[in-house]
Amino acid sequence: LLEITDGVDANRWGKLFYSGDTQCGTTPSGYQEAPANMLCAFETNDG
């Protein structure tokens, strides 16, 4: 799964990113990086 979009308003969405994607960002100090093939970030249309 990569994206979930509102059935009424296509401008409302959420995108899923997985380990290795550049959108995962930098792992904060004290936390581990998401393991291979695991979800690392979820972004919504409001940023």
All heavy atoms as atom14 arrays in JSON, in Angstrom:
{
  "sequence": "LLEITDGVDANRWGKLFYSGDTQCGTTPSGYQEAPANMLCAFETNDG",
  "atom14_mask": [
    [1, 1, 1, 1, 1, 1, 1, 1, 0, 0, 0, 0, 0, 0],
    [1, 1, 1, 1, 1, 1, 1, 1, 0, 0, 0, 0, 0, 0],
    [1, 1, 1, 1, 1, 1, 1, 1, 1, 0, 0, 0, 0, 0],
    [1, 1, 1, 1, 1, 1, 1, 1, 0, 0, 0, 0, 0, 0],
    [1, 1, 1, 1, 1, 1, 1, 0, 0, 0, 0, 0, 0, 0],
    [1, 1, 1, 1, 1, 1, 1, 1, 0, 0, 0, 0, 0, 0],
    [1, 1, 1, 1, 0, 0, 0, 0, 0, 0, 0, 0, 0, 0],
    [1, 1, 1, 1, 1, 1, 1, 0, 0, 0, 0, 0, 0, 0],
    [1, 1, 1, 1, 1, 1, 1, 1, 0, 0, 0, 0, 0, 0],
    [1, 1, 1, 1, 1, 0, 0, 0, 0, 0, 0, 0, 0, 0],
    [1, 1, 1, 1, 1, 1, 1, 1, 0, 0, 0, 0, 0, 0],
    [1, 1, 1, 1, 1, 1, 1, 1, 1, 1, 1, 0, 0, 0],
    [1, 1, 1, 1, 1, 1, 1, 1, 1, 1, 1, 1, 1, 1],
    [1, 1, 1, 1, 0, 0, 0, 0, 0, 0, 0, 0, 0, 0],
    [1, 1, 1, 1, 1, 1, 1, 1, 1, 0, 0, 0, 0, 0],
    [1, 1, 1, 1, 1, 1, 1, 1, 0, 0, 0, 0, 0, 0],
    [1, 1, 1, 1, 1, 1, 1, 1, 1, 1, 1, 0, 0, 0],
    [1, 1, 1, 1, 1, 1, 1, 1, 1, 1, 1, 1, 0, 0],
    [1, 1, 1, 1, 1, 1, 0, 0, 0, 0, 0, 0, 0, 0],
    [1, 1, 1, 1, 0, 0, 0, 0, 0, 0, 0, 0, 0, 0],
    [1, 1, 1, 1, 1, 1, 1, 1, 0, 0, 0, 0, 0, 0],
    [1, 1, 1, 1, 1, 1, 1, 0, 0, 0, 0, 0, 0, 0],
    [1, 1, 1, 1, 1, 1, 1, 1, 1, 0, 0, 0, 0, 0],
    [1, 1, 1, 1, 1, 1, 0, 0, 0, 0, 0, 0, 0, 0],
    [1, 1, 1, 1, 0, 0, 0, 0, 0, 0, 0, 0, 0, 0],
    [1, 1, 1, 1, 1, 1, 1, 0, 0, 0, 0, 0, 0, 0],
    [1, 1, 1, 1, 1, 1, 1, 0, 0, 0, 0, 0, 0, 0],
    [1, 1, 1, 1, 1, 1, 1, 0, 0, 0, 0, 0, 0, 0],
    [1, 1, 1, 1, 1, 1, 0, 0, 0, 0, 0, 0, 0, 0],
    [1, 1, 1, 1, 0, 0, 0, 0, 0, 0, 0, 0, 0, 0],
    [1, 1, 1, 1, 1, 1, 1, 1, 1, 1, 1, 1, 0, 0],
    [1, 1, 1, 1, 1, 1, 1, 1, 1, 0, 0, 0, 0, 0],
    [1, 1, 1, 1, 1, 1, 1, 1, 1, 0, 0, 0, 0, 0],
    [1, 1, 1, 1, 1, 0, 0, 0, 0, 0, 0, 0, 0, 0],
    [1, 1, 1, 1, 1, 1, 1, 0, 0, 0, 0, 0, 0, 0],
    [1, 1, 1, 1, 1, 0, 0, 0, 0, 0, 0, 0, 0, 0],
    [1, 1, 1, 1, 1, 1, 1, 1, 0, 0, 0, 0, 0, 0],
    [1, 1, 1, 1, 1, 1, 1, 1, 0, 0, 0, 0, 0, 0],
    [1, 1, 1, 1, 1, 1, 1, 1, 0, 0, 0, 0, 0, 0],
    [1, 1, 1, 1, 1, 1, 0, 0, 0, 0, 0, 0, 0, 0],
    [1, 1, 1, 1, 1, 0, 0, 0, 0, 0, 0, 0, 0, 0],
    [1, 1, 1, 1, 1, 1, 1, 1, 1, 1, 1, 0, 0, 0],
    [1, 1, 1, 1, 1, 1, 1, 1, 1, 0, 0, 0, 0, 0],
    [1, 1, 1, 1, 1, 1, 1, 0, 0, 0, 0, 0, 0, 0],
    [1, 1, 1, 1, 1, 1, 1, 1, 0, 0, 0, 0, 0, 0],
    [1, 1, 1, 1, 1, 1, 1, 1, 0, 0, 0, 0, 0, 0],
    [1, 1, 1, 1, 0, 0, 0, 0, 0, 0, 0, 0, 0, 0]
  ],
  "atom14_positions": [
    [[0.83, -1.19, 0.0], [0.0, 0.0, 0.0], [0.87, 1.25, 0.0], [1.8, 1.37, 0.79], [-0.9, 0.0, 1.24], [-1.87, 1.14, 1.4], [-2.89, 1.15, 0.26], [-2.59, 1.04, 2.73], [0.0, 0.0, 0.0], [0.0, 0.0, 0.0], [0.0, 0.0, 0.0], [0.0, 0.0, 0.0], [0.0, 0.0, 0.0], [0.0, 0.0, 0.0]],
    [[0.57, 2.19, -0.92], [1.33, 3.42, -1.02], [0.53, 4.66, -0.64], [1.09, 5.63, -0.14], [1.87, 3.61, -2.44], [2.83, 2.54, -2.95], [3.23, 2.86, -4.37], [4.04, 2.43, -2.04], [0.0, 0.0, 0.0], [0.0, 0.0, 0.0], [0.0, 0.0, 0.0], [0.0, 0.0, 0.0], [0.0, 0.0, 0.0], [0.0, 0.0, 0.0]],
    [[-0.78, 4.64, -0.93], [-1.56, 5.85, -0.71], [-3.01, 5.51, -0.41], [-3.56, 4.56, -0.98], [-1.49, 6.73, -1.95], [-2.13, 8.09, -1.78], [-1.86, 9.01, -2.97], [-0.99, 8.7, -3.8], [-2.54, 10.03, -3.06], [0.0, 0.0, 0.0], [0.0, 0.0, 0.0], [0.0, 0.0, 0.0], [0.0, 0.0, 0.0], [0.0, 0.0, 0.0]],
    [[-3.6, 6.29, 0.48], [-5.02, 6.19, 0.8], [-5.63, 7.55, 0.48], [-5.13, 8.58, 0.95], [-5.24, 5.86, 2.29], [-4.5, 4.57, 2.66], [-6.72, 5.76, 2.6], [-4.42, 4.32, 4.16], [0.0, 0.0, 0.0], [0.0, 0.0, 0.0], [0.0, 0.0, 0.0], [0.0, 0.0, 0.0], [0.0, 0.0, 0.0], [0.0, 0.0, 0.0]],
    [[-6.69, 7.56, -0.33], [-7.3, 8.82, -0.75], [-8.76, 8.84, -0.34], [-9.46, 7.83, -0.45], [-7.19, 8.99, -2.28], [-5.82, 8.86, -2.66], [-7.72, 10.34, -2.74], [0.0, 0.0, 0.0], [0.0, 0.0, 0.0], [0.0, 0.0, 0.0], [0.0, 0.0, 0.0], [0.0, 0.0, 0.0], [0.0, 0.0, 0.0], [0.0, 0.0, 0.0]],
    [[-9.23, 9.99, 0.1], [-10.63, 10.18, 0.46], [-11.5, 9.97, -0.77], [-11.18, 10.48, -1.85], [-10.81, 11.61, 1.01], [-12.18, 11.87, 1.57], [-13.18, 11.69, 0.83], [-12.27, 12.27, 2.74], [0.0, 0.0, 0.0], [0.0, 0.0, 0.0], [0.0, 0.0, 0.0], [0.0, 0.0, 0.0], [0.0, 0.0, 0.0], [0.0, 0.0, 0.0]],
    [[-12.58, 9.21, -0.65], [-13.46, 8.92, -1.77], [-14.27, 10.11, -2.25], [-14.78, 10.1, -3.37], [0.0, 0.0, 0.0], [0.0, 0.0, 0.0], [0.0, 0.0, 0.0], [0.0, 0.0, 0.0], [0.0, 0.0, 0.0], [0.0, 0.0, 0.0], [0.0, 0.0, 0.0], [0.0, 0.0, 0.0], [0.0, 0.0, 0.0], [0.0, 0.0, 0.0]],
    [[-14.4, 11.14, -1.43], [-15.18, 12.32, -1.8], [-14.27, 13.45, -2.26], [-14.53, 14.11, -3.25], [-16.05, 12.79, -0.61], [-16.76, 14.1, -0.94], [-17.05, 11.72, -0.23], [0.0, 0.0, 0.0], [0.0, 0.0, 0.0], [0.0, 0.0, 0.0], [0.0, 0.0, 0.0], [0.0, 0.0, 0.0], [0.0, 0.0, 0.0], [0.0, 0.0, 0.0]],
    [[-13.18, 13.68, -1.53], [-12.27, 14.78, -1.82], [-10.87, 14.22, -2.07], [-10.14, 13.9, -1.13], [-12.26, 15.75, -0.64], [-11.36, 16.97, -0.87], [-10.71, 17.06, -1.93], [-11.32, 17.83, 0.03], [0.0, 0.0, 0.0], [0.0, 0.0, 0.0], [0.0, 0.0, 0.0], [0.0, 0.0, 0.0], [0.0, 0.0, 0.0], [0.0, 0.0, 0.0]],
    [[-10.48, 14.11, -3.32], [-9.17, 13.54, -3.68], [-8.01, 14.38, -3.17], [-6.87, 13.93, -3.19], [-9.08, 13.38, -5.19], [0.0, 0.0, 0.0], [0.0, 0.0, 0.0], [0.0, 0.0, 0.0], [0.0, 0.0, 0.0], [0.0, 0.0, 0.0], [0.0, 0.0, 0.0], [0.0, 0.0, 0.0], [0.0, 0.0, 0.0], [0.0, 0.0, 0.0]],
    [[-8.28, 15.6, -2.7], [-7.22, 16.44, -2.13], [-6.89, 16.03, -0.7], [-5.97, 16.57, -0.1], [-7.63, 17.91, -2.16], [-7.69, 18.42, -3.58], [-6.82, 18.13, -4.39], [-8.73, 19.16, -3.9], [0.0, 0.0, 0.0], [0.0, 0.0, 0.0], [0.0, 0.0, 0.0], [0.0, 0.0, 0.0], [0.0, 0.0, 0.0], [0.0, 0.0, 0.0]],
    [[-7.65, 15.09, -0.14], [-7.37, 14.57, 1.2], [-6.79, 13.17, 1.03], [-7.46, 12.28, 0.53], [-8.65, 14.51, 2.03], [-9.22, 15.9, 2.31], [-10.43, 15.83, 3.17], [-10.09, 15.16, 4.43], [-10.98, 14.64, 5.25], [-12.25, 14.68, 4.97], [-10.6, 14.04, 6.37], [0.0, 0.0, 0.0], [0.0, 0.0, 0.0], [0.0, 0.0, 0.0]],
    [[-5.52, 13.02, 1.43], [-4.84, 11.74, 1.23], [-3.81, 11.5, 2.32], [-3.43, 12.4, 3.06], [-4.15, 11.7, -0.13], [-3.32, 12.91, -0.45], [-3.7, 13.96, -1.24], [-2.01, 13.23, 0.03], [-2.69, 14.9, -1.28], [-1.65, 14.47, -0.52], [-1.1, 12.58, 0.85], [-0.42, 15.07, -0.26], [0.13, 13.18, 1.12], [0.45, 14.41, 0.57]],
    [[-3.36, 10.27, 2.37], [-2.25, 9.86, 3.23], [-1.34, 8.96, 2.44], [-1.8, 8.11, 1.69], [0.0, 0.0, 0.0], [0.0, 0.0, 0.0], [0.0, 0.0, 0.0], [0.0, 0.0, 0.0], [0.0, 0.0, 0.0], [0.0, 0.0, 0.0], [0.0, 0.0, 0.0], [0.0, 0.0, 0.0], [0.0, 0.0, 0.0], [0.0, 0.0, 0.0]],
    [[-0.04, 9.17, 2.56], [0.94, 8.35, 1.85], [1.76, 7.56, 2.86], [2.14, 8.08, 3.9], [1.86, 9.23, 1.0], [1.14, 9.91, -0.15], [2.08, 10.74, -0.99], [1.31, 11.42, -2.12], [2.18, 12.24, -2.96], [0.0, 0.0, 0.0], [0.0, 0.0, 0.0], [0.0, 0.0, 0.0], [0.0, 0.0, 0.0], [0.0, 0.0, 0.0]],
    [[2.04, 6.31, 2.51], [2.82, 5.43, 3.35], [4.2, 5.25, 2.76], [4.34, 5.09, 1.55], [2.14, 4.06, 3.47], [0.79, 4.07, 4.19], [-0.33, 4.33, 3.21], [0.58, 2.76, 4.91], [0.0, 0.0, 0.0], [0.0, 0.0, 0.0], [0.0, 0.0, 0.0], [0.0, 0.0, 0.0], [0.0, 0.0, 0.0], [0.0, 0.0, 0.0]],
    [[5.22, 5.29, 3.62], [6.6, 5.14, 3.19], [7.24, 4.01, 3.99], [6.91, 3.8, 5.16], [7.38, 6.44, 3.36], [6.77, 7.58, 2.6], [6.01, 8.53, 3.23], [6.95, 7.67, 1.22], [5.44, 9.58, 2.53], [6.38, 8.72, 0.51], [5.62, 9.67, 1.16], [0.0, 0.0, 0.0], [0.0, 0.0, 0.0], [0.0, 0.0, 0.0]],
    [[8.16, 3.33, 3.36], [8.78, 2.15, 3.95], [10.29, 2.34, 4.06], [10.87, 3.16, 3.35], [8.44, 0.92, 3.1], [6.94, 0.69, 3.04], [6.16, 1.34, 2.09], [6.31, -0.13, 3.96], [4.78, 1.16, 2.06], [4.94, -0.32, 3.94], [4.18, 0.33, 2.97], [2.82, 0.16, 2.94], [0.0, 0.0, 0.0], [0.0, 0.0, 0.0]],
    [[10.9, 1.57, 4.95], [12.34, 1.7, 5.2], [13.11, 1.79, 3.88], [12.82, 1.08, 2.94], [12.86, 0.54, 6.03], [12.61, -0.68, 5.38], [0.0, 0.0, 0.0], [0.0, 0.0, 0.0], [0.0, 0.0, 0.0], [0.0, 0.0, 0.0], [0.0, 0.0, 0.0], [0.0, 0.0, 0.0], [0.0, 0.0, 0.0], [0.0, 0.0, 0.0]],
    [[14.05, 2.71, 3.84], [14.83, 2.93, 2.63], [14.31, 4.07, 1.78], [15.05, 4.62, 0.97], [0.0, 0.0, 0.0], [0.0, 0.0, 0.0], [0.0, 0.0, 0.0], [0.0, 0.0, 0.0], [0.0, 0.0, 0.0], [0.0, 0.0, 0.0], [0.0, 0.0, 0.0], [0.0, 0.0, 0.0], [0.0, 0.0, 0.0], [0.0, 0.0, 0.0]],
    [[13.02, 4.45, 1.93], [12.48, 5.58, 1.18], [13.1, 6.88, 1.72], [13.3, 7.02, 2.93], [10.95, 5.67, 1.33], [10.21, 4.57, 0.6], [10.79, 3.95, -0.31], [9.03, 4.35, 0.93], [0.0, 0.0, 0.0], [0.0, 0.0, 0.0], [0.0, 0.0, 0.0], [0.0, 0.0, 0.0], [0.0, 0.0, 0.0], [0.0, 0.0, 0.0]],
    [[13.4, 7.81, 0.83], [14.0, 9.08, 1.27], [13.05, 9.87, 2.16], [13.49, 10.67, 2.97], [14.41, 9.94, 0.05], [13.26, 10.16, -0.76], [15.5, 9.26, -0.75], [0.0, 0.0, 0.0], [0.0, 0.0, 0.0], [0.0, 0.0, 0.0], [0.0, 0.0, 0.0], [0.0, 0.0, 0.0], [0.0, 0.0, 0.0], [0.0, 0.0, 0.0]],
    [[11.74, 9.63, 2.04], [10.76, 10.35, 2.84], [10.74, 9.89, 4.3], [10.06, 10.48, 5.13], [9.36, 10.19, 2.25], [9.19, 10.81, 0.9], [9.6, 9.86, -0.24], [10.26, 8.86, -0.05], [9.2, 10.22, -1.45], [0.0, 0.0, 0.0], [0.0, 0.0, 0.0], [0.0, 0.0, 0.0], [0.0, 0.0, 0.0], [0.0, 0.0, 0.0]],
    [[11.49, 8.85, 4.63], [11.54, 8.37, 6.01], [12.23, 9.37, 6.93], [11.97, 9.4, 8.12], [12.25, 7.02, 6.09], [11.33, 5.68, 5.33], [0.0, 0.0, 0.0], [0.0, 0.0, 0.0], [0.0, 0.0, 0.0], [0.0, 0.0, 0.0], [0.0, 0.0, 0.0], [0.0, 0.0, 0.0], [0.0, 0.0, 0.0], [0.0, 0.0, 0.0]],
    [[13.11, 10.15, 6.36], [13.82, 11.14, 7.16], [14.92, 10.51, 7.99], [15.24, 9.33, 7.87], [0.0, 0.0, 0.0], [0.0, 0.0, 0.0], [0.0, 0.0, 0.0], [0.0, 0.0, 0.0], [0.0, 0.0, 0.0], [0.0, 0.0, 0.0], [0.0, 0.0, 0.0], [0.0, 0.0, 0.0], [0.0, 0.0, 0.0], [0.0, 0.0, 0.0]],
    [[15.49, 11.33, 8.86], [16.57, 10.89, 9.73], [15.99, 10.32, 11.01], [15.09, 10.91, 11.61], [17.5, 12.08, 10.07], [17.95, 12.65, 8.83], [18.68, 11.64, 10.89], [0.0, 0.0, 0.0], [0.0, 0.0, 0.0], [0.0, 0.0, 0.0], [0.0, 0.0, 0.0], [0.0, 0.0, 0.0], [0.0, 0.0, 0.0], [0.0, 0.0, 0.0]],
    [[16.52, 9.19, 11.43], [16.05, 8.56, 12.67], [16.53, 9.38, 13.86], [17.73, 9.66, 13.97], [16.58, 7.11, 12.76], [16.2, 6.41, 11.58], [16.05, 6.4, 13.98], [0.0, 0.0, 0.0], [0.0, 0.0, 0.0], [0.0, 0.0, 0.0], [0.0, 0.0, 0.0], [0.0, 0.0, 0.0], [0.0, 0.0, 0.0], [0.0, 0.0, 0.0]],
    [[15.61, 9.78, 14.76], [16.01, 10.57, 15.92], [16.97, 9.79, 16.83], [16.93, 8.56, 16.89], [14.69, 10.83, 16.65], [13.63, 10.58, 15.65], [14.17, 9.56, 14.7], [0.0, 0.0, 0.0], [0.0, 0.0, 0.0], [0.0, 0.0, 0.0], [0.0, 0.0, 0.0], [0.0, 0.0, 0.0], [0.0, 0.0, 0.0], [0.0, 0.0, 0.0]],
    [[17.8, 10.51, 17.53], [18.75, 9.91, 18.47], [18.0, 9.07, 19.5], [16.96, 9.47, 20.01], [19.54, 11.02, 19.17], [20.42, 10.46, 20.11], [0.0, 0.0, 0.0], [0.0, 0.0, 0.0], [0.0, 0.0, 0.0], [0.0, 0.0, 0.0], [0.0, 0.0, 0.0], [0.0, 0.0, 0.0], [0.0, 0.0, 0.0], [0.0, 0.0, 0.0]],
    [[18.52, 7.89, 19.77], [17.89, 7.01, 20.75], [16.88, 6.05, 20.16], [16.36, 5.18, 20.86], [0.0, 0.0, 0.0], [0.0, 0.0, 0.0], [0.0, 0.0, 0.0], [0.0, 0.0, 0.0], [0.0, 0.0, 0.0], [0.0, 0.0, 0.0], [0.0, 0.0, 0.0], [0.0, 0.0, 0.0], [0.0, 0.0, 0.0], [0.0, 0.0, 0.0]],
    [[16.57, 6.21, 18.89], [15.61, 5.33, 18.21], [16.34, 4.52, 17.15], [17.38, 4.93, 16.64], [14.49, 6.14, 17.54], [13.54, 6.77, 18.52], [13.79, 8.05, 19.02], [12.41, 6.11, 18.94], [12.93, 8.63, 19.93], [11.55, 6.69, 19.85], [11.81, 7.95, 20.34], [10.95, 8.52, 21.23], [0.0, 0.0, 0.0], [0.0, 0.0, 0.0]],
    [[15.75, 3.38, 16.8], [16.32, 2.55, 15.74], [15.65, 2.85, 14.42], [14.47, 3.19, 14.37], [16.12, 1.07, 16.07], [16.93, 0.59, 17.24], [16.75, -0.9, 17.47], [15.82, -1.51, 16.97], [17.66, -1.48, 18.23], [0.0, 0.0, 0.0], [0.0, 0.0, 0.0], [0.0, 0.0, 0.0], [0.0, 0.0, 0.0], [0.0, 0.0, 0.0]],
    [[16.41, 2.7, 13.34], [15.86, 2.85, 11.99], [14.85, 1.74, 11.74], [14.99, 0.63, 12.26], [17.01, 2.76, 10.99], [16.6, 3.08, 9.57], [17.8, 3.1, 8.64], [18.82, 3.69, 9.02], [17.7, 2.52, 7.56], [0.0, 0.0, 0.0], [0.0, 0.0, 0.0], [0.0, 0.0, 0.0], [0.0, 0.0, 0.0], [0.0, 0.0, 0.0]],
    [[13.83, 2.03, 10.96], [12.83, 1.01, 10.64], [13.5, -0.16, 9.93], [14.28, 0.05, 9.0], [11.74, 1.6, 9.75], [0.0, 0.0, 0.0], [0.0, 0.0, 0.0], [0.0, 0.0, 0.0], [0.0, 0.0, 0.0], [0.0, 0.0, 0.0], [0.0, 0.0, 0.0], [0.0, 0.0, 0.0], [0.0, 0.0, 0.0], [0.0, 0.0, 0.0]],
    [[13.22, -1.39, 10.36], [13.81, -2.56, 9.7], [13.34, -2.67, 8.25], [12.35, -2.07, 7.83], [13.28, -3.74, 10.52], [12.87, -3.15, 11.83], [12.42, -1.76, 11.52], [0.0, 0.0, 0.0], [0.0, 0.0, 0.0], [0.0, 0.0, 0.0], [0.0, 0.0, 0.0], [0.0, 0.0, 0.0], [0.0, 0.0, 0.0], [0.0, 0.0, 0.0]],
    [[14.05, -3.49, 7.48], [13.74, -3.7, 6.06], [12.28, -4.06, 5.87], [11.72, -4.85, 6.63], [14.63, -4.79, 5.5], [0.0, 0.0, 0.0], [0.0, 0.0, 0.0], [0.0, 0.0, 0.0], [0.0, 0.0, 0.0], [0.0, 0.0, 0.0], [0.0, 0.0, 0.0], [0.0, 0.0, 0.0], [0.0, 0.0, 0.0], [0.0, 0.0, 0.0]],
    [[11.65, -3.45, 4.86], [10.26, -3.69, 4.46], [9.21, -3.21, 5.46], [8.05, -3.54, 5.33], [10.02, -5.16, 4.14], [10.88, -5.63, 3.01], [10.97, -4.96, 1.99], [11.53, -6.76, 3.18], [0.0, 0.0, 0.0], [0.0, 0.0, 0.0], [0.0, 0.0, 0.0], [0.0, 0.0, 0.0], [0.0, 0.0, 0.0], [0.0, 0.0, 0.0]],
    [[9.61, -2.45, 6.47], [8.66, -1.99, 7.47], [8.3, -0.52, 7.24], [9.07, 0.25, 6.7], [9.22, -2.17, 8.87], [9.49, -3.6, 9.22], [8.48, -4.09, 10.58], [8.94, -5.79, 10.75], [0.0, 0.0, 0.0], [0.0, 0.0, 0.0], [0.0, 0.0, 0.0], [0.0, 0.0, 0.0], [0.0, 0.0, 0.0], [0.0, 0.0, 0.0]],
    [[7.11, -0.17, 7.65], [6.61, 1.19, 7.54], [7.47, 2.12, 8.37], [7.8, 1.82, 9.52], [5.16, 1.21, 8.05], [4.34, 2.45, 7.79], [4.14, 2.67, 6.3], [2.98, 2.31, 8.47], [0.0, 0.0, 0.0], [0.0, 0.0, 0.0], [0.0, 0.0, 0.0], [0.0, 0.0, 0.0], [0.0, 0.0, 0.0], [0.0, 0.0, 0.0]],
    [[7.88, 3.25, 7.79], [8.71, 4.2, 8.53], [8.05, 5.57, 8.65], [8.41, 6.34, 9.53], [10.08, 4.35, 7.87], [10.0, 5.17, 6.26], [0.0, 0.0, 0.0], [0.0, 0.0, 0.0], [0.0, 0.0, 0.0], [0.0, 0.0, 0.0], [0.0, 0.0, 0.0], [0.0, 0.0, 0.0], [0.0, 0.0, 0.0], [0.0, 0.0, 0.0]],
    [[7.11, 5.88, 7.78], [6.47, 7.21, 7.84], [5.1, 7.18, 7.18], [4.86, 6.4, 6.26], [7.35, 8.25, 7.15], [0.0, 0.0, 0.0], [0.0, 0.0, 0.0], [0.0, 0.0, 0.0], [0.0, 0.0, 0.0], [0.0, 0.0, 0.0], [0.0, 0.0, 0.0], [0.0, 0.0, 0.0], [0.0, 0.0, 0.0], [0.0, 0.0, 0.0]],
    [[4.23, 8.05, 7.69], [2.91, 8.27, 7.1], [2.72, 9.77, 7.01], [2.87, 10.48, 8.0], [1.81, 7.63, 7.98], [0.44, 7.78, 7.41], [0.02, 6.96, 6.37], [-0.44, 8.73, 7.9], [-1.26, 7.08, 5.83], [-1.71, 8.86, 7.36], [-2.12, 8.03, 6.33], [0.0, 0.0, 0.0], [0.0, 0.0, 0.0], [0.0, 0.0, 0.0]],
    [[2.43, 10.26, 5.81], [2.3, 11.69, 5.59], [0.9, 11.99, 5.07], [0.37, 11.25, 4.24], [3.35, 12.13, 4.57], [3.31, 13.61, 4.25], [4.36, 13.97, 3.21], [4.42, 13.3, 2.16], [5.09, 14.93, 3.45], [0.0, 0.0, 0.0], [0.0, 0.0, 0.0], [0.0, 0.0, 0.0], [0.0, 0.0, 0.0], [0.0, 0.0, 0.0]],
    [[0.32, 13.09, 5.54], [-1.02, 13.48, 5.08], [-0.93, 14.75, 4.25], [0.09, 15.46, 4.25], [-1.96, 13.71, 6.29], [-1.38, 14.67, 7.16], [-2.2, 12.42, 7.04], [0.0, 0.0, 0.0], [0.0, 0.0, 0.0], [0.0, 0.0, 0.0], [0.0, 0.0, 0.0], [0.0, 0.0, 0.0], [0.0, 0.0, 0.0], [0.0, 0.0, 0.0]],
    [[-2.0, 15.05, 3.53], [-2.01, 16.19, 2.61], [-1.79, 17.52, 3.31], [-1.4, 18.49, 2.65], [-3.33, 16.22, 1.84], [-4.52, 16.35, 2.74], [-4.9, 15.37, 3.38], [-5.12, 17.52, 2.81], [0.0, 0.0, 0.0], [0.0, 0.0, 0.0], [0.0, 0.0, 0.0], [0.0, 0.0, 0.0], [0.0, 0.0, 0.0], [0.0, 0.0, 0.0]],
    [[-2.0, 17.61, 4.62], [-1.78, 18.87, 5.33], [-0.33, 19.02, 5.81], [-0.03, 19.93, 6.57], [-2.75, 19.0, 6.49], [-2.62, 17.9, 7.53], [-1.72, 17.04, 7.38], [-3.41, 17.9, 8.48], [0.0, 0.0, 0.0], [0.0, 0.0, 0.0], [0.0, 0.0, 0.0], [0.0, 0.0, 0.0], [0.0, 0.0, 0.0], [0.0, 0.0, 0.0]],
    [[0.55, 18.11, 5.36], [1.97, 18.22, 5.7], [2.38, 17.52, 6.98], [3.55, 17.54, 7.34], [0.0, 0.0, 0.0], [0.0, 0.0, 0.0], [0.0, 0.0, 0.0], [0.0, 0.0, 0.0], [0.0, 0.0, 0.0], [0.0, 0.0, 0.0], [0.0, 0.0, 0.0], [0.0, 0.0, 0.0], [0.0, 0.0, 0.0], [0.0, 0.0, 0.0]]
  ]
}
